[in-house]
Amino acid sequence: MIAIDKSWTLFLDRDGVMNEEIKDGYVLQWDMFRFSEGVLAAMPVLNARFGRIVITTNQRCIGRGLLTEAGLKDIHAHMLAAIHLHGGRVDAIYHCPDVNNDSPCRKPQSGMAMQAQAEFPEIDFSKSIMVGNTMGDMKFGKQLGMKTVFIPSTKPGQAFPDPMIDFKCDNLLEFSKIIQ
């Protein structure tokens, strides 16, 4: 793996990385949210390594009228409190509520990364890692020059090696153990 220091930024997908993805559904309230195995143990390690940690998450359920912005904010507030309680941190969460795949903010388009860089100008995409569970997440990272880490939580059959995937880890805890 590559050496990481506080000048690096970690981009994390949410569903399927931070929490268990609901097959053919959405996390619509806090009691539906389940942290993925090892996430709360991984976050303090990642906190110590990375200068910035941000979540970029497509949330089509808002555009479909299934969840409100306030409802998403409530879910994220609970998630952040639990992460903080376990010694971790997330500096910002960016979400795209749009339904259409060609929306400029919807991954794999780079809109949420540009929002993060606008808020944190020190973000250097060549010193960033994207951890996700879809090829859209991998494309999002690669097109910006990031290293990519694939977690096969919902796509266990994804071929590896693949030019879009630099590393493959079973979960965030495994990833936290291989960074230096």
N, C-alpha and C. Protein backbone atom coordinates (compact mmCIF):
# COMPACT_ATOMS: atom_id res chain seq x y z
N MET A 1 0.86 -1.19 0.00
CA MET A 1 0.00 0.00 0.00
C MET A 1 0.89 1.24 0.00
N ILE A 2 0.29 2.37 -0.11
CA ILE A 2 1.02 3.63 -0.14
C ILE A 2 1.06 4.27 1.24
N ALA A 3 2.07 5.07 1.46
CA ALA A 3 2.19 5.77 2.74
C ALA A 3 1.20 6.93 2.77
N ILE A 4 0.46 7.03 3.84
CA ILE A 4 -0.56 8.06 4.02
C ILE A 4 -0.11 8.99 5.14
N ASP A 5 -0.33 10.29 4.95
CA ASP A 5 -0.10 11.24 6.04
C ASP A 5 -1.25 12.23 6.06
N LYS A 6 -1.16 13.22 6.93
CA LYS A 6 -2.27 14.15 7.14
C LYS A 6 -2.55 15.05 5.93
N SER A 7 -1.71 14.99 4.89
CA SER A 7 -2.00 15.77 3.69
C SER A 7 -2.97 15.03 2.76
N TRP A 8 -3.33 13.79 3.12
CA TRP A 8 -4.23 12.98 2.30
C TRP A 8 -5.68 13.15 2.73
N THR A 9 -6.59 12.95 1.75
CA THR A 9 -8.03 12.99 1.99
C THR A 9 -8.63 11.63 1.68
N LEU A 10 -9.53 11.20 2.54
CA LEU A 10 -10.26 9.96 2.35
C LEU A 10 -11.70 10.29 1.95
N PHE A 11 -12.10 9.79 0.80
CA PHE A 11 -13.48 9.89 0.34
C PHE A 11 -14.14 8.54 0.57
N LEU A 12 -15.27 8.54 1.25
CA LEU A 12 -16.00 7.31 1.55
C LEU A 12 -17.39 7.36 0.95
N ASP A 13 -17.79 6.27 0.32
CA ASP A 13 -19.19 6.09 -0.04
C ASP A 13 -19.92 5.75 1.26
N ARG A 14 -21.23 5.90 1.29
CA ARG A 14 -21.95 5.57 2.53
C ARG A 14 -22.56 4.17 2.46
N ASP A 15 -23.62 4.00 1.67
CA ASP A 15 -24.33 2.72 1.63
C ASP A 15 -23.44 1.62 1.04
N GLY A 16 -23.24 0.56 1.82
CA GLY A 16 -22.40 -0.54 1.39
C GLY A 16 -20.96 -0.42 1.86
N VAL A 17 -20.60 0.74 2.40
CA VAL A 17 -19.26 0.96 2.96
C VAL A 17 -19.39 1.30 4.44
N MET A 18 -20.08 2.38 4.74
CA MET A 18 -20.29 2.81 6.13
C MET A 18 -21.40 2.01 6.79
N ASN A 19 -22.43 1.71 6.02
CA ASN A 19 -23.58 0.99 6.56
C ASN A 19 -24.01 -0.10 5.60
N GLU A 20 -24.78 -1.02 6.13
CA GLU A 20 -25.32 -2.12 5.33
C GLU A 20 -26.30 -1.54 4.32
N GLU A 21 -26.09 -1.87 3.07
CA GLU A 21 -26.99 -1.40 2.02
C GLU A 21 -28.27 -2.24 2.07
N ILE A 22 -29.40 -1.60 1.86
CA ILE A 22 -30.68 -2.30 1.84
C ILE A 22 -30.96 -2.66 0.38
N LYS A 23 -30.99 -3.95 0.10
CA LYS A 23 -31.19 -4.42 -1.27
C LYS A 23 -32.54 -3.92 -1.79
N ASP A 24 -32.47 -3.26 -2.95
CA ASP A 24 -33.68 -2.72 -3.60
C ASP A 24 -34.46 -1.78 -2.69
N GLY A 25 -33.75 -1.08 -1.79
CA GLY A 25 -34.42 -0.14 -0.90
C GLY A 25 -33.46 0.92 -0.41
N TYR A 26 -33.89 1.68 0.57
CA TYR A 26 -33.13 2.81 1.08
C TYR A 26 -33.19 2.86 2.60
N VAL A 27 -32.17 3.45 3.20
CA VAL A 27 -32.21 3.78 4.62
C VAL A 27 -33.03 5.07 4.72
N LEU A 28 -34.23 4.95 5.28
CA LEU A 28 -35.15 6.09 5.30
C LEU A 28 -35.32 6.70 6.68
N GLN A 29 -34.76 6.05 7.71
CA GLN A 29 -34.78 6.61 9.06
C GLN A 29 -33.67 5.93 9.85
N TRP A 30 -33.29 6.54 10.97
CA TRP A 30 -32.14 6.07 11.72
C TRP A 30 -32.27 4.61 12.15
N ASP A 31 -33.45 4.17 12.51
CA ASP A 31 -33.56 2.78 12.98
C ASP A 31 -33.39 1.75 11.86
N MET A 32 -33.26 2.19 10.63
CA MET A 32 -32.96 1.30 9.50
C MET A 32 -31.45 1.26 9.21
N PHE A 33 -30.70 2.14 9.83
CA PHE A 33 -29.26 2.26 9.58
C PHE A 33 -28.52 1.23 10.42
N ARG A 34 -27.67 0.44 9.79
CA ARG A 34 -26.82 -0.53 10.49
C ARG A 34 -25.39 -0.34 10.01
N PHE A 35 -24.49 0.01 10.94
CA PHE A 35 -23.09 0.14 10.54
C PHE A 35 -22.59 -1.18 9.97
N SER A 36 -21.80 -1.10 8.91
CA SER A 36 -21.16 -2.29 8.37
C SER A 36 -20.13 -2.80 9.37
N GLU A 37 -19.84 -4.08 9.29
CA GLU A 37 -18.90 -4.70 10.21
C GLU A 37 -17.55 -3.98 10.17
N GLY A 38 -17.05 -3.62 11.36
CA GLY A 38 -15.73 -3.03 11.50
C GLY A 38 -15.63 -1.53 11.31
N VAL A 39 -16.70 -0.88 10.88
CA VAL A 39 -16.63 0.56 10.59
C VAL A 39 -16.26 1.36 11.83
N LEU A 40 -16.94 1.12 12.95
CA LEU A 40 -16.68 1.94 14.14
C LEU A 40 -15.28 1.69 14.69
N ALA A 41 -14.72 0.51 14.48
CA ALA A 41 -13.34 0.24 14.88
C ALA A 41 -12.34 0.86 13.90
N ALA A 42 -12.71 0.96 12.65
CA ALA A 42 -11.82 1.52 11.62
C ALA A 42 -11.70 3.04 11.71
N MET A 43 -12.77 3.71 12.08
CA MET A 43 -12.79 5.18 11.99
C MET A 43 -11.72 5.87 12.83
N PRO A 44 -11.40 5.44 14.06
CA PRO A 44 -10.31 6.11 14.79
C PRO A 44 -8.95 5.94 14.10
N VAL A 45 -8.72 4.79 13.49
CA VAL A 45 -7.47 4.56 12.77
C VAL A 45 -7.39 5.50 11.57
N LEU A 46 -8.49 5.60 10.83
CA LEU A 46 -8.53 6.48 9.66
C LEU A 46 -8.40 7.94 10.08
N ASN A 47 -9.03 8.28 11.20
CA ASN A 47 -8.95 9.62 11.77
C ASN A 47 -7.49 10.01 12.02
N ALA A 48 -6.71 9.06 12.53
CA ALA A 48 -5.30 9.34 12.85
C ALA A 48 -4.44 9.47 11.59
N ARG A 49 -4.86 8.88 10.50
CA ARG A 49 -4.05 8.87 9.28
C ARG A 49 -4.33 10.01 8.31
N PHE A 50 -5.63 10.33 8.12
CA PHE A 50 -6.02 11.26 7.07
C PHE A 50 -6.29 12.66 7.61
N GLY A 51 -5.90 13.66 6.85
CA GLY A 51 -6.17 15.05 7.21
C GLY A 51 -7.64 15.40 7.05
N ARG A 52 -8.27 14.82 6.04
CA ARG A 52 -9.70 15.06 5.78
C ARG A 52 -10.37 13.73 5.52
N ILE A 53 -11.58 13.59 6.04
CA ILE A 53 -12.42 12.44 5.75
C ILE A 53 -13.79 12.97 5.36
N VAL A 54 -14.23 12.63 4.16
CA VAL A 54 -15.53 13.09 3.68
C VAL A 54 -16.32 11.91 3.12
N ILE A 55 -17.62 12.02 3.23
CA ILE A 55 -18.52 11.03 2.66
C ILE A 55 -19.19 11.66 1.46
N THR A 56 -19.24 10.90 0.36
CA THR A 56 -19.97 11.32 -0.84
C THR A 56 -21.00 10.23 -1.12
N THR A 57 -22.26 10.60 -1.11
CA THR A 57 -23.31 9.59 -1.20
C THR A 57 -24.44 10.01 -2.14
N ASN A 58 -24.74 9.14 -3.09
CA ASN A 58 -25.92 9.34 -3.93
C ASN A 58 -27.14 8.99 -3.09
N GLN A 59 -28.11 9.88 -3.04
CA GLN A 59 -29.33 9.65 -2.25
C GLN A 59 -30.56 9.92 -3.12
N ARG A 60 -30.73 9.06 -4.11
CA ARG A 60 -31.84 9.16 -5.05
C ARG A 60 -33.19 9.13 -4.35
N CYS A 61 -33.24 8.54 -3.15
CA CYS A 61 -34.51 8.44 -2.42
C CYS A 61 -35.11 9.82 -2.13
N ILE A 62 -34.26 10.84 -2.03
CA ILE A 62 -34.79 12.20 -1.80
C ILE A 62 -35.50 12.69 -3.05
N GLY A 63 -34.85 12.53 -4.20
CA GLY A 63 -35.47 12.93 -5.47
C GLY A 63 -36.74 12.16 -5.77
N ARG A 64 -36.83 10.96 -5.26
CA ARG A 64 -38.04 10.14 -5.46
C ARG A 64 -39.12 10.44 -4.44
N GLY A 65 -38.85 11.35 -3.50
CA GLY A 65 -39.85 11.74 -2.52
C GLY A 65 -40.02 10.76 -1.36
N LEU A 66 -39.07 9.85 -1.19
CA LEU A 66 -39.16 8.86 -0.13
C LEU A 66 -38.53 9.33 1.18
N LEU A 67 -37.64 10.31 1.09
CA LEU A 67 -36.93 10.85 2.25
C LEU A 67 -36.75 12.35 2.05
N THR A 68 -36.87 13.10 3.12
CA THR A 68 -36.66 14.55 3.03
C THR A 68 -35.21 14.88 3.34
N GLU A 69 -34.81 16.08 2.99
CA GLU A 69 -33.46 16.56 3.35
C GLU A 69 -33.30 16.53 4.88
N ALA A 70 -34.34 16.92 5.60
CA ALA A 70 -34.29 16.91 7.07
C ALA A 70 -34.14 15.49 7.59
N GLY A 71 -34.82 14.55 6.99
CA GLY A 71 -34.71 13.15 7.39
C GLY A 71 -33.29 12.62 7.17
N LEU A 72 -32.67 12.97 6.03
CA LEU A 72 -31.29 12.56 5.77
C LEU A 72 -30.34 13.20 6.78
N LYS A 73 -30.58 14.47 7.08
CA LYS A 73 -29.73 15.16 8.06
C LYS A 73 -29.82 14.49 9.43
N ASP A 74 -31.00 14.03 9.81
CA ASP A 74 -31.18 13.33 11.08
C ASP A 74 -30.41 12.00 11.09
N ILE A 75 -30.50 11.23 10.02
CA ILE A 75 -29.75 9.97 9.92
C ILE A 75 -28.27 10.25 10.06
N HIS A 76 -27.79 11.26 9.34
CA HIS A 76 -26.36 11.58 9.37
C HIS A 76 -25.92 12.10 10.73
N ALA A 77 -26.77 12.84 11.40
CA ALA A 77 -26.41 13.33 12.74
C ALA A 77 -26.20 12.16 13.70
N HIS A 78 -27.07 11.17 13.65
CA HIS A 78 -26.92 9.98 14.49
C HIS A 78 -25.66 9.20 14.12
N MET A 79 -25.43 9.05 12.82
CA MET A 79 -24.25 8.33 12.35
C MET A 79 -22.97 9.02 12.82
N LEU A 80 -22.90 10.33 12.67
CA LEU A 80 -21.71 11.09 13.08
C LEU A 80 -21.50 11.02 14.59
N ALA A 81 -22.58 11.06 15.35
CA ALA A 81 -22.46 10.97 16.82
C ALA A 81 -21.87 9.62 17.22
N ALA A 82 -22.32 8.55 16.59
CA ALA A 82 -21.79 7.23 16.91
C ALA A 82 -20.32 7.12 16.51
N ILE A 83 -19.96 7.65 15.36
CA ILE A 83 -18.56 7.63 14.91
C ILE A 83 -17.69 8.41 15.89
N HIS A 84 -18.15 9.58 16.28
CA HIS A 84 -17.41 10.42 17.24
C HIS A 84 -17.24 9.71 18.58
N LEU A 85 -18.30 9.07 19.04
CA LEU A 85 -18.27 8.34 20.31
C LEU A 85 -17.20 7.24 20.31
N HIS A 86 -16.91 6.71 19.13
CA HIS A 86 -15.91 5.64 19.00
C HIS A 86 -14.53 6.18 18.60
N GLY A 87 -14.34 7.50 18.65
CA GLY A 87 -13.03 8.09 18.40
C GLY A 87 -12.73 8.42 16.95
N GLY A 88 -13.76 8.40 16.12
CA GLY A 88 -13.57 8.72 14.71
C GLY A 88 -14.12 10.10 14.39
N ARG A 89 -14.01 10.47 13.14
CA ARG A 89 -14.58 11.75 12.69
C ARG A 89 -14.87 11.69 11.20
N VAL A 90 -15.80 12.51 10.78
CA VAL A 90 -16.07 12.77 9.38
C VAL A 90 -16.16 14.28 9.28
N ASP A 91 -15.36 14.87 8.39
CA ASP A 91 -15.31 16.33 8.29
C ASP A 91 -16.51 16.92 7.55
N ALA A 92 -17.06 16.18 6.60
CA ALA A 92 -18.21 16.68 5.84
C ALA A 92 -18.88 15.52 5.13
N ILE A 93 -20.17 15.70 4.87
CA ILE A 93 -20.94 14.74 4.09
C ILE A 93 -21.58 15.50 2.93
N TYR A 94 -21.38 14.99 1.73
CA TYR A 94 -21.97 15.56 0.52
C TYR A 94 -22.92 14.51 -0.05
N HIS A 95 -24.10 14.96 -0.44
CA HIS A 95 -25.05 14.02 -1.02
C HIS A 95 -25.66 14.60 -2.28
N CYS A 96 -26.07 13.70 -3.15
CA CYS A 96 -26.77 14.10 -4.36
C CYS A 96 -28.17 13.52 -4.32
N PRO A 97 -29.19 14.37 -4.27
CA PRO A 97 -30.57 13.88 -4.19
C PRO A 97 -31.18 13.56 -5.56
N ASP A 98 -30.46 13.86 -6.62
CA ASP A 98 -31.03 13.78 -7.96
C ASP A 98 -31.31 12.34 -8.39
N VAL A 99 -32.35 12.20 -9.21
CA VAL A 99 -32.77 10.89 -9.69
C VAL A 99 -31.98 10.48 -10.94
N ASN A 100 -31.74 11.43 -11.82
CA ASN A 100 -31.12 11.11 -13.11
C ASN A 100 -29.64 10.79 -12.98
N ASN A 101 -29.20 9.72 -13.65
CA ASN A 101 -27.81 9.30 -13.59
C ASN A 101 -26.84 10.32 -14.17
N ASP A 102 -27.32 11.19 -15.07
CA ASP A 102 -26.42 12.17 -15.68
C ASP A 102 -26.32 13.48 -14.90
N SER A 103 -26.90 13.54 -13.71
CA SER A 103 -26.79 14.73 -12.87
C SER A 103 -25.32 15.00 -12.57
N PRO A 104 -24.88 16.27 -12.64
CA PRO A 104 -23.47 16.58 -12.38
C PRO A 104 -23.01 16.27 -10.95
N CYS A 105 -23.93 16.14 -10.01
CA CYS A 105 -23.50 15.83 -8.64
C CYS A 105 -23.56 14.34 -8.34
N ARG A 106 -24.20 13.58 -9.21
CA ARG A 106 -24.39 12.14 -8.94
C ARG A 106 -23.16 11.36 -9.38
N LYS A 107 -22.59 10.56 -8.45
CA LYS A 107 -21.45 9.73 -8.83
C LYS A 107 -21.88 8.80 -9.96
N PRO A 108 -21.05 8.61 -10.97
CA PRO A 108 -19.61 8.87 -11.01
C PRO A 108 -19.21 10.28 -11.43
N GLN A 109 -20.17 11.17 -11.72
CA GLN A 109 -19.78 12.55 -12.03
C GLN A 109 -19.09 13.16 -10.81
N SER A 110 -18.31 14.19 -11.03
CA SER A 110 -17.40 14.70 -10.00
C SER A 110 -17.95 15.82 -9.12
N GLY A 111 -19.23 16.13 -9.23
CA GLY A 111 -19.80 17.27 -8.51
C GLY A 111 -19.55 17.29 -7.01
N MET A 112 -19.73 16.16 -6.34
CA MET A 112 -19.54 16.14 -4.88
C MET A 112 -18.07 16.33 -4.51
N ALA A 113 -17.16 15.82 -5.34
CA ALA A 113 -15.72 16.04 -5.09
C ALA A 113 -15.38 17.51 -5.24
N MET A 114 -15.99 18.17 -6.22
CA MET A 114 -15.74 19.60 -6.43
C MET A 114 -16.30 20.42 -5.26
N GLN A 115 -17.44 19.99 -4.72
CA GLN A 115 -17.99 20.65 -3.53
C GLN A 115 -17.01 20.52 -2.36
N ALA A 116 -16.47 19.33 -2.19
CA ALA A 116 -15.53 19.09 -1.08
C ALA A 116 -14.29 19.96 -1.25
N GLN A 117 -13.77 20.03 -2.47
CA GLN A 117 -12.55 20.82 -2.70
C GLN A 117 -12.84 22.32 -2.54
N ALA A 118 -14.04 22.75 -2.88
CA ALA A 118 -14.40 24.16 -2.68
C ALA A 118 -14.44 24.50 -1.19
N GLU A 119 -14.94 23.56 -0.38
CA GLU A 119 -15.02 23.78 1.07
C GLU A 119 -13.65 23.60 1.74
N PHE A 120 -12.86 22.69 1.22
CA PHE A 120 -11.53 22.38 1.77
C PHE A 120 -10.51 22.49 0.64
N PRO A 121 -10.04 23.71 0.33
CA PRO A 121 -9.17 23.92 -0.83
C PRO A 121 -7.85 23.13 -0.78
N GLU A 122 -7.47 22.66 0.39
CA GLU A 122 -6.24 21.89 0.51
C GLU A 122 -6.37 20.48 -0.07
N ILE A 123 -7.58 20.05 -0.40
CA ILE A 123 -7.75 18.71 -0.98
C ILE A 123 -7.04 18.63 -2.31
N ASP A 124 -6.16 17.65 -2.40
CA ASP A 124 -5.41 17.34 -3.62
C ASP A 124 -5.87 15.95 -4.04
N PHE A 125 -6.56 15.86 -5.18
CA PHE A 125 -7.12 14.57 -5.58
C PHE A 125 -6.05 13.52 -5.83
N SER A 126 -4.83 13.95 -6.18
CA SER A 126 -3.75 12.97 -6.38
C SER A 126 -3.25 12.41 -5.04
N LYS A 127 -3.68 13.03 -3.95
CA LYS A 127 -3.37 12.53 -2.61
C LYS A 127 -4.68 12.23 -1.89
N SER A 128 -5.55 11.53 -2.61
CA SER A 128 -6.86 11.15 -2.08
C SER A 128 -7.15 9.69 -2.42
N ILE A 129 -7.97 9.09 -1.59
CA ILE A 129 -8.40 7.71 -1.80
C ILE A 129 -9.92 7.68 -1.76
N MET A 130 -10.52 6.99 -2.73
CA MET A 130 -11.97 6.77 -2.75
C MET A 130 -12.24 5.33 -2.37
N VAL A 131 -13.04 5.12 -1.32
CA VAL A 131 -13.45 3.78 -0.92
C VAL A 131 -14.93 3.65 -1.23
N GLY A 132 -15.26 2.67 -2.06
CA GLY A 132 -16.65 2.47 -2.44
C GLY A 132 -16.96 1.03 -2.76
N ASN A 133 -18.24 0.78 -3.03
CA ASN A 133 -18.69 -0.59 -3.29
C ASN A 133 -19.31 -0.76 -4.67
N THR A 134 -19.16 0.24 -5.54
CA THR A 134 -19.67 0.12 -6.90
C THR A 134 -18.60 0.59 -7.89
N MET A 135 -18.76 0.18 -9.13
CA MET A 135 -17.83 0.65 -10.16
C MET A 135 -18.03 2.15 -10.41
N GLY A 136 -19.22 2.67 -10.12
CA GLY A 136 -19.44 4.12 -10.20
C GLY A 136 -18.55 4.87 -9.22
N ASP A 137 -18.40 4.31 -8.01
CA ASP A 137 -17.50 4.91 -7.02
C ASP A 137 -16.05 4.87 -7.52
N MET A 138 -15.68 3.75 -8.16
CA MET A 138 -14.31 3.61 -8.65
C MET A 138 -14.05 4.61 -9.79
N LYS A 139 -15.03 4.77 -10.68
CA LYS A 139 -14.89 5.73 -11.78
C LYS A 139 -14.80 7.15 -11.24
N PHE A 140 -15.62 7.46 -10.25
CA PHE A 140 -15.60 8.77 -9.59
C PHE A 140 -14.18 9.08 -9.12
N GLY A 141 -13.57 8.14 -8.42
CA GLY A 141 -12.21 8.35 -7.93
C GLY A 141 -11.17 8.41 -9.03
N LYS A 142 -11.21 7.47 -9.94
CA LYS A 142 -10.19 7.37 -11.00
C LYS A 142 -10.16 8.60 -11.89
N GLN A 143 -11.34 9.10 -12.27
CA GLN A 143 -11.37 10.24 -13.20
C GLN A 143 -10.80 11.51 -12.55
N LEU A 144 -10.71 11.52 -11.23
CA LEU A 144 -10.13 12.66 -10.52
C LEU A 144 -8.67 12.42 -10.13
N GLY A 145 -8.16 11.23 -10.44
CA GLY A 145 -6.76 10.92 -10.14
C GLY A 145 -6.55 10.34 -8.75
N MET A 146 -7.62 9.86 -8.11
CA MET A 146 -7.52 9.26 -6.77
C MET A 146 -7.09 7.79 -6.88
N LYS A 147 -6.57 7.26 -5.78
CA LYS A 147 -6.43 5.83 -5.61
C LYS A 147 -7.82 5.31 -5.26
N THR A 148 -8.12 4.07 -5.64
CA THR A 148 -9.44 3.52 -5.37
C THR A 148 -9.34 2.21 -4.60
N VAL A 149 -10.31 2.04 -3.68
CA VAL A 149 -10.41 0.82 -2.88
C VAL A 149 -11.84 0.31 -3.04
N PHE A 150 -11.96 -0.92 -3.51
CA PHE A 150 -13.26 -1.53 -3.73
C PHE A 150 -13.61 -2.45 -2.58
N ILE A 151 -14.81 -2.26 -2.02
CA ILE A 151 -15.35 -3.13 -0.98
C ILE A 151 -16.51 -3.91 -1.63
N PRO A 152 -16.38 -5.23 -1.75
CA PRO A 152 -17.38 -6.02 -2.49
C PRO A 152 -18.64 -6.37 -1.68
N SER A 153 -19.12 -5.44 -0.87
CA SER A 153 -20.25 -5.72 0.01
C SER A 153 -21.52 -6.08 -0.75
N THR A 154 -21.76 -5.42 -1.87
CA THR A 154 -22.98 -5.70 -2.63
C THR A 154 -22.68 -6.26 -4.01
N LYS A 155 -21.41 -6.31 -4.38
CA LYS A 155 -21.00 -6.85 -5.68
C LYS A 155 -19.84 -7.83 -5.48
N PRO A 156 -20.11 -8.95 -4.77
CA PRO A 156 -19.02 -9.88 -4.45
C PRO A 156 -18.38 -10.52 -5.68
N GLY A 157 -19.07 -10.53 -6.80
CA GLY A 157 -18.53 -11.15 -8.00
C GLY A 157 -17.71 -10.22 -8.88
N GLN A 158 -17.49 -8.98 -8.42
CA GLN A 158 -16.74 -8.02 -9.23
C GLN A 158 -15.34 -8.54 -9.54
N ALA A 159 -15.00 -8.56 -10.81
CA ALA A 159 -13.68 -9.05 -11.23
C ALA A 159 -12.57 -8.17 -10.67
N PHE A 160 -11.51 -8.82 -10.26
CA PHE A 160 -10.31 -8.12 -9.77
C PHE A 160 -9.13 -8.99 -10.13
N PRO A 161 -8.07 -8.46 -10.73
CA PRO A 161 -7.84 -7.03 -10.90
C PRO A 161 -8.71 -6.40 -11.99
N ASP A 162 -8.83 -5.09 -11.87
CA ASP A 162 -9.58 -4.26 -12.80
C ASP A 162 -8.86 -2.92 -12.86
N PRO A 163 -8.74 -2.31 -14.03
CA PRO A 163 -8.01 -1.04 -14.12
C PRO A 163 -8.61 0.10 -13.29
N MET A 164 -9.88 -0.03 -12.92
CA MET A 164 -10.52 1.02 -12.11
C MET A 164 -10.29 0.82 -10.61
N ILE A 165 -9.81 -0.37 -10.22
CA ILE A 165 -9.67 -0.72 -8.80
C ILE A 165 -8.19 -0.89 -8.46
N ASP A 166 -7.70 -0.06 -7.54
CA ASP A 166 -6.30 -0.20 -7.10
C ASP A 166 -6.15 -1.26 -6.02
N PHE A 167 -7.10 -1.30 -5.09
CA PHE A 167 -7.06 -2.25 -3.98
C PHE A 167 -8.45 -2.78 -3.73
N LYS A 168 -8.52 -4.00 -3.23
CA LYS A 168 -9.80 -4.60 -2.86
C LYS A 168 -9.69 -5.06 -1.41
N CYS A 169 -10.64 -4.64 -0.58
CA CYS A 169 -10.67 -5.00 0.84
C CYS A 169 -12.08 -5.47 1.18
N ASP A 170 -12.19 -6.41 2.11
CA ASP A 170 -13.51 -6.91 2.48
C ASP A 170 -14.37 -5.86 3.16
N ASN A 171 -13.73 -4.93 3.89
CA ASN A 171 -14.49 -3.90 4.60
C ASN A 171 -13.55 -2.77 5.00
N LEU A 172 -14.11 -1.75 5.63
CA LEU A 172 -13.33 -0.57 6.01
C LEU A 172 -12.27 -0.90 7.05
N LEU A 173 -12.55 -1.85 7.92
CA LEU A 173 -11.57 -2.23 8.93
C LEU A 173 -10.34 -2.87 8.27
N GLU A 174 -10.55 -3.74 7.30
CA GLU A 174 -9.42 -4.33 6.58
C GLU A 174 -8.60 -3.22 5.90
N PHE A 175 -9.28 -2.27 5.27
CA PHE A 175 -8.58 -1.15 4.64
C PHE A 175 -7.75 -0.37 5.66
N SER A 176 -8.32 -0.14 6.84
CA SER A 176 -7.60 0.64 7.87
C SER A 176 -6.32 -0.08 8.31
N LYS A 177 -6.30 -1.40 8.18
CA LYS A 177 -5.14 -2.18 8.60
C LYS A 177 -4.04 -2.22 7.55
N ILE A 178 -4.35 -1.92 6.29
CA ILE A 178 -3.30 -2.01 5.26
C ILE A 178 -2.65 -0.67 4.93
N ILE A 179 -3.25 0.43 5.42
CA ILE A 179 -2.61 1.72 5.17
C ILE A 179 -1.48 1.93 6.15
N GLN A 180 -0.49 2.70 5.72
CA GLN A 180 0.70 2.92 6.57
C GLN A 180 0.76 4.35 7.02
